[in-house]
Amino acid sequence: MEIQEAIQKLSPKEKSTLSAWLQSQEEPVMSEAQEAALLARLDQAARDLDSGKGIPLEQVRGMVGKWATR
């Protein structure tokens, strides 16, 4: 109860800072295996882009605008 009362006295900026810090203390959402798989996929995506595969950034930006209005 004492902690809750102290938090209620914080300014909005202090609450935001506290919230960010608390979230940084949480365990990772991904397991090590999941993180390794994600990094491998990102590495492959980078290789694909370097070799000319993929969609140009400007085209993606145009698509995002359409997706956001759905």
PDB file of N, CA and C in Angstrom:
ATOM      1  N   MET A   1       0.815  -1.190   0.000  1.00  0.00           N
ATOM      2  CA  MET A   1       0.000   0.000   0.000  1.00  0.00           C
ATOM      3  C   MET A   1       0.867   1.266   0.000  1.00  0.00           C
ATOM      4  N   GLU A   2       1.972   1.223   0.698  1.00  0.00           N
ATOM      5  CA  GLU A   2       2.856   2.381   0.783  1.00  0.00           C
ATOM      6  C   GLU A   2       3.430   2.720  -0.601  1.00  0.00           C
ATOM      7  N   ILE A   3       3.779   1.681  -1.356  1.00  0.00           N
ATOM      8  CA  ILE A   3       4.326   1.906  -2.700  1.00  0.00           C
ATOM      9  C   ILE A   3       3.260   2.518  -3.596  1.00  0.00           C
ATOM     10  N   GLN A   4       2.047   2.019  -3.524  1.00  0.00           N
ATOM     11  CA  GLN A   4       0.964   2.556  -4.351  1.00  0.00           C
ATOM     12  C   GLN A   4       0.712   4.020  -4.032  1.00  0.00           C
ATOM     13  N   GLU A   5       0.744   4.375  -2.778  1.00  0.00           N
ATOM     14  CA  GLU A   5       0.537   5.765  -2.385  1.00  0.00           C
ATOM     15  C   GLU A   5       1.666   6.647  -2.918  1.00  0.00           C
ATOM     16  N   ALA A   6       2.889   6.148  -2.853  1.00  0.00           N
ATOM     17  CA  ALA A   6       4.027   6.916  -3.364  1.00  0.00           C
ATOM     18  C   ALA A   6       3.906   7.110  -4.872  1.00  0.00           C
ATOM     19  N   ILE A   7       3.466   6.074  -5.569  1.00  0.00           N
ATOM     20  CA  ILE A   7       3.314   6.173  -7.028  1.00  0.00           C
ATOM     21  C   ILE A   7       2.242   7.202  -7.386  1.00  0.00           C
ATOM     22  N   GLN A   8       1.180   7.247  -6.632  1.00  0.00           N
ATOM     23  CA  GLN A   8       0.110   8.215  -6.897  1.00  0.00           C
ATOM     24  C   GLN A   8       0.613   9.650  -6.775  1.00  0.00           C
ATOM     25  N   LYS A   9       1.640   9.881  -6.023  1.00  0.00           N
ATOM     26  CA  LYS A   9       2.183  11.230  -5.823  1.00  0.00           C
ATOM     27  C   LYS A   9       3.156  11.645  -6.930  1.00  0.00           C
ATOM     28  N   LEU A  10       3.541  10.697  -7.791  1.00  0.00           N
ATOM     29  CA  LEU A  10       4.489  11.012  -8.862  1.00  0.00           C
ATOM     30  C   LEU A  10       3.836  11.864  -9.949  1.00  0.00           C
ATOM     31  N   SER A  11       4.662  12.659 -10.606  1.00  0.00           N
ATOM     32  CA  SER A  11       4.183  13.430 -11.758  1.00  0.00           C
ATOM     33  C   SER A  11       3.980  12.474 -12.926  1.00  0.00           C
ATOM     34  N   PRO A  12       3.221  12.881 -13.952  1.00  0.00           N
ATOM     35  CA  PRO A  12       3.045  12.014 -15.115  1.00  0.00           C
ATOM     36  C   PRO A  12       4.371  11.580 -15.735  1.00  0.00           C
ATOM     37  N   LYS A  13       5.351  12.495 -15.798  1.00  0.00           N
ATOM     38  CA  LYS A  13       6.653  12.148 -16.373  1.00  0.00           C
ATOM     39  C   LYS A  13       7.364  11.114 -15.507  1.00  0.00           C
ATOM     40  N   GLU A  14       7.296  11.276 -14.211  1.00  0.00           N
ATOM     41  CA  GLU A  14       7.928  10.313 -13.306  1.00  0.00           C
ATOM     42  C   GLU A  14       7.246   8.950 -13.400  1.00  0.00           C
ATOM     43  N   LYS A  15       5.916   8.935 -13.544  1.00  0.00           N
ATOM     44  CA  LYS A  15       5.195   7.664 -13.713  1.00  0.00           C
ATOM     45  C   LYS A  15       5.605   6.982 -15.004  1.00  0.00           C
ATOM     46  N   SER A  16       5.770   7.754 -16.055  1.00  0.00           N
ATOM     47  CA  SER A  16       6.195   7.200 -17.333  1.00  0.00           C
ATOM     48  C   SER A  16       7.594   6.608 -17.225  1.00  0.00           C
ATOM     49  N   THR A  17       8.480   7.313 -16.554  1.00  0.00           N
ATOM     50  CA  THR A  17       9.845   6.825 -16.356  1.00  0.00           C
ATOM     51  C   THR A  17       9.836   5.546 -15.525  1.00  0.00           C
ATOM     52  N   LEU A  18       9.058   5.520 -14.481  1.00  0.00           N
ATOM     53  CA  LEU A  18       8.942   4.328 -13.640  1.00  0.00           C
ATOM     54  C   LEU A  18       8.393   3.153 -14.448  1.00  0.00           C
ATOM     55  N   SER A  19       7.377   3.422 -15.243  1.00  0.00           N
ATOM     56  CA  SER A  19       6.785   2.371 -16.073  1.00  0.00           C
ATOM     57  C   SER A  19       7.806   1.785 -17.042  1.00  0.00           C
ATOM     58  N   ALA A  20       8.574   2.648 -17.696  1.00  0.00           N
ATOM     59  CA  ALA A  20       9.597   2.185 -18.633  1.00  0.00           C
ATOM     60  C   ALA A  20      10.650   1.355 -17.912  1.00  0.00           C
ATOM     61  N   TRP A  21      11.039   1.780 -16.732  1.00  0.00           N
ATOM     62  CA  TRP A  21      12.036   1.034 -15.977  1.00  0.00           C
ATOM     63  C   TRP A  21      11.483  -0.331 -15.566  1.00  0.00           C
ATOM     64  N   LEU A  22      10.257  -0.360 -15.086  1.00  0.00           N
ATOM     65  CA  LEU A  22       9.658  -1.635 -14.683  1.00  0.00           C
ATOM     66  C   LEU A  22       9.577  -2.601 -15.858  1.00  0.00           C
ATOM     67  N   GLN A  23       9.209  -2.089 -17.016  1.00  0.00           N
ATOM     68  CA  GLN A  23       9.132  -2.947 -18.197  1.00  0.00           C
ATOM     69  C   GLN A  23      10.511  -3.465 -18.590  1.00  0.00           C
ATOM     70  N   SER A  24      11.547  -2.674 -18.371  1.00  0.00           N
ATOM     71  CA  SER A  24      12.902  -3.116 -18.720  1.00  0.00           C
ATOM     72  C   SER A  24      13.384  -4.227 -17.795  1.00  0.00           C
ATOM     73  N   GLN A  25      12.735  -4.392 -16.667  1.00  0.00           N
ATOM     74  CA  GLN A  25      13.129  -5.417 -15.702  1.00  0.00           C
ATOM     75  C   GLN A  25      12.459  -6.767 -15.972  1.00  0.00           C
ATOM     76  N   GLU A  26      11.491  -6.783 -16.891  1.00  0.00           N
ATOM     77  CA  GLU A  26      10.772  -8.018 -17.192  1.00  0.00           C
ATOM     78  C   GLU A  26      11.655  -8.977 -17.971  1.00  0.00           C
ATOM     79  N   GLU A  27      11.339 -10.242 -17.847  1.00  0.00           N
ATOM     80  CA  GLU A  27      12.046 -11.262 -18.611  1.00  0.00           C
ATOM     81  C   GLU A  27      11.741 -11.083 -20.095  1.00  0.00           C
ATOM     82  N   PRO A  28      12.671 -11.426 -20.954  1.00  0.00           N
ATOM     83  CA  PRO A  28      12.426 -11.310 -22.398  1.00  0.00           C
ATOM     84  C   PRO A  28      11.205 -12.137 -22.813  1.00  0.00           C
ATOM     85  N   VAL A  29      10.490 -11.631 -23.797  1.00  0.00           N
ATOM     86  CA  VAL A  29       9.302 -12.309 -24.293  1.00  0.00           C
ATOM     87  C   VAL A  29       9.696 -13.533 -25.121  1.00  0.00           C
ATOM     88  N   MET A  30      10.839 -13.438 -25.793  1.00  0.00           N
ATOM     89  CA  MET A  30      11.289 -14.529 -26.652  1.00  0.00           C
ATOM     90  C   MET A  30      12.289 -15.415 -25.917  1.00  0.00           C
ATOM     91  N   SER A  31      12.227 -16.685 -26.223  1.00  0.00           N
ATOM     92  CA  SER A  31      13.248 -17.597 -25.711  1.00  0.00           C
ATOM     93  C   SER A  31      14.523 -17.386 -26.528  1.00  0.00           C
ATOM     94  N   GLU A  32      15.608 -17.970 -26.071  1.00  0.00           N
ATOM     95  CA  GLU A  32      16.868 -17.846 -26.812  1.00  0.00           C
ATOM     96  C   GLU A  32      16.724 -18.461 -28.199  1.00  0.00           C
ATOM     97  N   ALA A  33      16.022 -19.580 -28.294  1.00  0.00           N
ATOM     98  CA  ALA A  33      15.833 -20.241 -29.589  1.00  0.00           C
ATOM     99  C   ALA A  33      15.010 -19.361 -30.528  1.00  0.00           C
ATOM    100  N   GLN A  34      13.962 -18.744 -29.993  1.00  0.00           N
ATOM    101  CA  GLN A  34      13.141 -17.857 -30.814  1.00  0.00           C
ATOM    102  C   GLN A  34      13.945 -16.653 -31.280  1.00  0.00           C
ATOM    103  N   GLU A  35      14.760 -16.105 -30.390  1.00  0.00           N
ATOM    104  CA  GLU A  35      15.585 -14.951 -30.760  1.00  0.00           C
ATOM    105  C   GLU A  35      16.590 -15.340 -31.842  1.00  0.00           C
ATOM    106  N   ALA A  36      17.207 -16.514 -31.704  1.00  0.00           N
ATOM    107  CA  ALA A  36      18.166 -16.980 -32.707  1.00  0.00           C
ATOM    108  C   ALA A  36      17.485 -17.155 -34.057  1.00  0.00           C
ATOM    109  N   ALA A  37      16.261 -17.715 -34.055  1.00  0.00           N
ATOM    110  CA  ALA A  37      15.526 -17.907 -35.307  1.00  0.00           C
ATOM    111  C   ALA A  37      15.176 -16.566 -35.939  1.00  0.00           C
ATOM    112  N   LEU A  38      14.761 -15.606 -35.122  1.00  0.00           N
ATOM    113  CA  LEU A  38      14.433 -14.276 -35.636  1.00  0.00           C
ATOM    114  C   LEU A  38      15.667 -13.619 -36.245  1.00  0.00           C
ATOM    115  N   LEU A  39      16.791 -13.702 -35.549  1.00  0.00           N
ATOM    116  CA  LEU A  39      18.014 -13.097 -36.068  1.00  0.00           C
ATOM    117  C   LEU A  39      18.444 -13.761 -37.377  1.00  0.00           C
ATOM    118  N   ALA A  40      18.267 -15.063 -37.478  1.00  0.00           N
ATOM    119  CA  ALA A  40      18.602 -15.758 -38.721  1.00  0.00           C
ATOM    120  C   ALA A  40      17.712 -15.282 -39.863  1.00  0.00           C
ATOM    121  N   ARG A  41      16.425 -15.099 -39.581  1.00  0.00           N
ATOM    122  CA  ARG A  41      15.509 -14.600 -40.618  1.00  0.00           C
ATOM    123  C   ARG A  41      15.861 -13.169 -41.021  1.00  0.00           C
ATOM    124  N   LEU A  42      16.239 -12.351 -40.051  1.00  0.00           N
ATOM    125  CA  LEU A  42      16.635 -10.976 -40.369  1.00  0.00           C
ATOM    126  C   LEU A  42      17.914 -10.950 -41.198  1.00  0.00           C
ATOM    127  N   ASP A  43      18.855 -11.832 -40.861  1.00  0.00           N
ATOM    128  CA  ASP A  43      20.084 -11.924 -41.660  1.00  0.00           C
ATOM    129  C   ASP A  43      19.762 -12.330 -43.092  1.00  0.00           C
ATOM    130  N   GLN A  44      18.849 -13.301 -43.255  1.00  0.00           N
ATOM    131  CA  GLN A  44      18.471 -13.733 -44.600  1.00  0.00           C
ATOM    132  C   GLN A  44      17.773 -12.593 -45.347  1.00  0.00           C
ATOM    133  N   ALA A  45      16.923 -11.860 -44.651  1.00  0.00           N
ATOM    134  CA  ALA A  45      16.235 -10.733 -45.278  1.00  0.00           C
ATOM    135  C   ALA A  45      17.245  -9.682 -45.747  1.00  0.00           C
ATOM    136  N   ALA A  46      18.260  -9.428 -44.930  1.00  0.00           N
ATOM    137  CA  ALA A  46      19.296  -8.454 -45.311  1.00  0.00           C
ATOM    138  C   ALA A  46      20.049  -8.942 -46.550  1.00  0.00           C
ATOM    139  N   ARG A  47      20.364 -10.233 -46.592  1.00  0.00           N
ATOM    140  CA  ARG A  47      21.044 -10.780 -47.775  1.00  0.00           C
ATOM    141  C   ARG A  47      20.159 -10.654 -49.012  1.00  0.00           C
ATOM    142  N   ASP A  48      18.856 -10.939 -48.845  1.00  0.00           N
ATOM    143  CA  ASP A  48      17.922 -10.818 -49.966  1.00  0.00           C
ATOM    144  C   ASP A  48      17.883  -9.386 -50.494  1.00  0.00           C
ATOM    145  N   LEU A  49      17.810  -8.429 -49.578  1.00  0.00           N
ATOM    146  CA  LEU A  49      17.770  -7.020 -49.989  1.00  0.00           C
ATOM    147  C   LEU A  49      19.066  -6.614 -50.677  1.00  0.00           C
ATOM    148  N   ASP A  50      20.186  -7.087 -50.141  1.00  0.00           N
ATOM    149  CA  ASP A  50      21.481  -6.769 -50.748  1.00  0.00           C
ATOM    150  C   ASP A  50      21.594  -7.336 -52.161  1.00  0.00           C
ATOM    151  N   SER A  51      20.900  -8.438 -52.423  1.00  0.00           N
ATOM    152  CA  SER A  51      20.979  -9.057 -53.754  1.00  0.00           C
ATOM    153  C   SER A  51      19.908  -8.521 -54.711  1.00  0.00           C
ATOM    154  N   GLY A  52      19.146  -7.511 -54.260  1.00  0.00           N
ATOM    155  CA  GLY A  52      18.164  -6.890 -55.139  1.00  0.00           C
ATOM    156  C   GLY A  52      16.755  -7.434 -55.006  1.00  0.00           C
ATOM    157  N   LYS A  53      16.557  -8.398 -54.143  1.00  0.00           N
ATOM    158  CA  LYS A  53      15.208  -8.921 -53.926  1.00  0.00           C
ATOM    159  C   LYS A  53      14.482  -7.996 -52.958  1.00  0.00           C
ATOM    160  N   GLY A  54      13.174  -7.983 -53.027  1.00  0.00           N
ATOM    161  CA  GLY A  54      12.401  -7.189 -52.085  1.00  0.00           C
ATOM    162  C   GLY A  54      11.624  -6.087 -52.766  1.00  0.00           C
ATOM    163  N   ILE A  55      11.001  -5.262 -51.955  1.00  0.00           N
ATOM    164  CA  ILE A  55      10.158  -4.168 -52.428  1.00  0.00           C
ATOM    165  C   ILE A  55      10.839  -2.854 -52.055  1.00  0.00           C
ATOM    166  N   PRO A  56      10.927  -1.904 -52.989  1.00  0.00           N
ATOM    167  CA  PRO A  56      11.543  -0.612 -52.673  1.00  0.00           C
ATOM    168  C   PRO A  56      10.833   0.084 -51.509  1.00  0.00           C
ATOM    169  N   LEU A  57      11.609   0.777 -50.708  1.00  0.00           N
ATOM    170  CA  LEU A  57      11.092   1.444 -49.508  1.00  0.00           C
ATOM    171  C   LEU A  57       9.925   2.372 -49.815  1.00  0.00           C
ATOM    172  N   GLU A  58      10.010   3.149 -50.875  1.00  0.00           N
ATOM    173  CA  GLU A  58       8.926   4.079 -51.207  1.00  0.00           C
ATOM    174  C   GLU A  58       7.627   3.323 -51.494  1.00  0.00           C
ATOM    175  N   GLN A  59       7.732   2.179 -52.125  1.00  0.00           N
ATOM    176  CA  GLN A  59       6.542   1.378 -52.404  1.00  0.00           C
ATOM    177  C   GLN A  59       5.949   0.838 -51.097  1.00  0.00           C
ATOM    178  N   VAL A  60       6.800   0.425 -50.176  1.00  0.00           N
ATOM    179  CA  VAL A  60       6.330  -0.064 -48.877  1.00  0.00           C
ATOM    180  C   VAL A  60       5.628   1.060 -48.122  1.00  0.00           C
ATOM    181  N   ARG A  61       6.212   2.250 -48.147  1.00  0.00           N
ATOM    182  CA  ARG A  61       5.583   3.386 -47.457  1.00  0.00           C
ATOM    183  C   ARG A  61       4.190   3.653 -48.010  1.00  0.00           C
ATOM    184  N   GLY A  62       4.019   3.545 -49.313  1.00  0.00           N
ATOM    185  CA  GLY A  62       2.696   3.725 -49.915  1.00  0.00           C
ATOM    186  C   GLY A  62       1.727   2.644 -49.482  1.00  0.00           C
ATOM    187  N   MET A  63       2.216   1.442 -49.341  1.00  0.00           N
ATOM    188  CA  MET A  63       1.372   0.327 -48.925  1.00  0.00           C
ATOM    189  C   MET A  63       0.947   0.473 -47.464  1.00  0.00           C
ATOM    190  N   VAL A  64       1.851   0.960 -46.614  1.00  0.00           N
ATOM    191  CA  VAL A  64       1.546   1.127 -45.194  1.00  0.00           C
ATOM    192  C   VAL A  64       0.389   2.104 -45.021  1.00  0.00           C
ATOM    193  N   GLY A  65       0.383   3.153 -45.807  1.00  0.00           N
ATOM    194  CA  GLY A  65      -0.723   4.121 -45.737  1.00  0.00           C
ATOM    195  C   GLY A  65      -2.045   3.467 -46.043  1.00  0.00           C
ATOM    196  N   LYS A  66      -2.087   2.589 -47.015  1.00  0.00           N
ATOM    197  CA  LYS A  66      -3.317   1.873 -47.356  1.00  0.00           C
ATOM    198  C   LYS A  66      -3.712   0.905 -46.245  1.00  0.00           C
ATOM    199  N   TRP A  67      -2.731   0.229 -45.662  1.00  0.00           N
ATOM    200  CA  TRP A  67      -3.022  -0.728 -44.591  1.00  0.00           C
ATOM    201  C   TRP A  67      -3.590  -0.011 -43.369  1.00  0.00           C
ATOM    202  N   ALA A  68      -3.089   1.161 -43.085  1.00  0.00           N
ATOM    203  CA  ALA A  68      -3.494   1.895 -41.887  1.00  0.00           C
ATOM    204  C   ALA A  68      -4.922   2.396 -41.970  1.00  0.00           C
ATOM    205  N   THR A  69      -5.450   2.552 -43.182  1.00  0.00           N
ATOM    206  CA  THR A  69      -6.804   3.077 -43.314  1.00  0.00           C
ATOM    207  C   THR A  69      -7.863   1.985 -43.357  1.00  0.00           C
ATOM    208  N   ARG A  70      -7.434   0.755 -43.255  1.00  0.00           N
ATOM    209  CA  ARG A  70      -8.396  -0.360 -43.274  1.00  0.00           C
ATOM    210  C   ARG A  70      -9.024  -0.570 -41.946  1.00  0.00           C
TER     211      ARG A  70
END
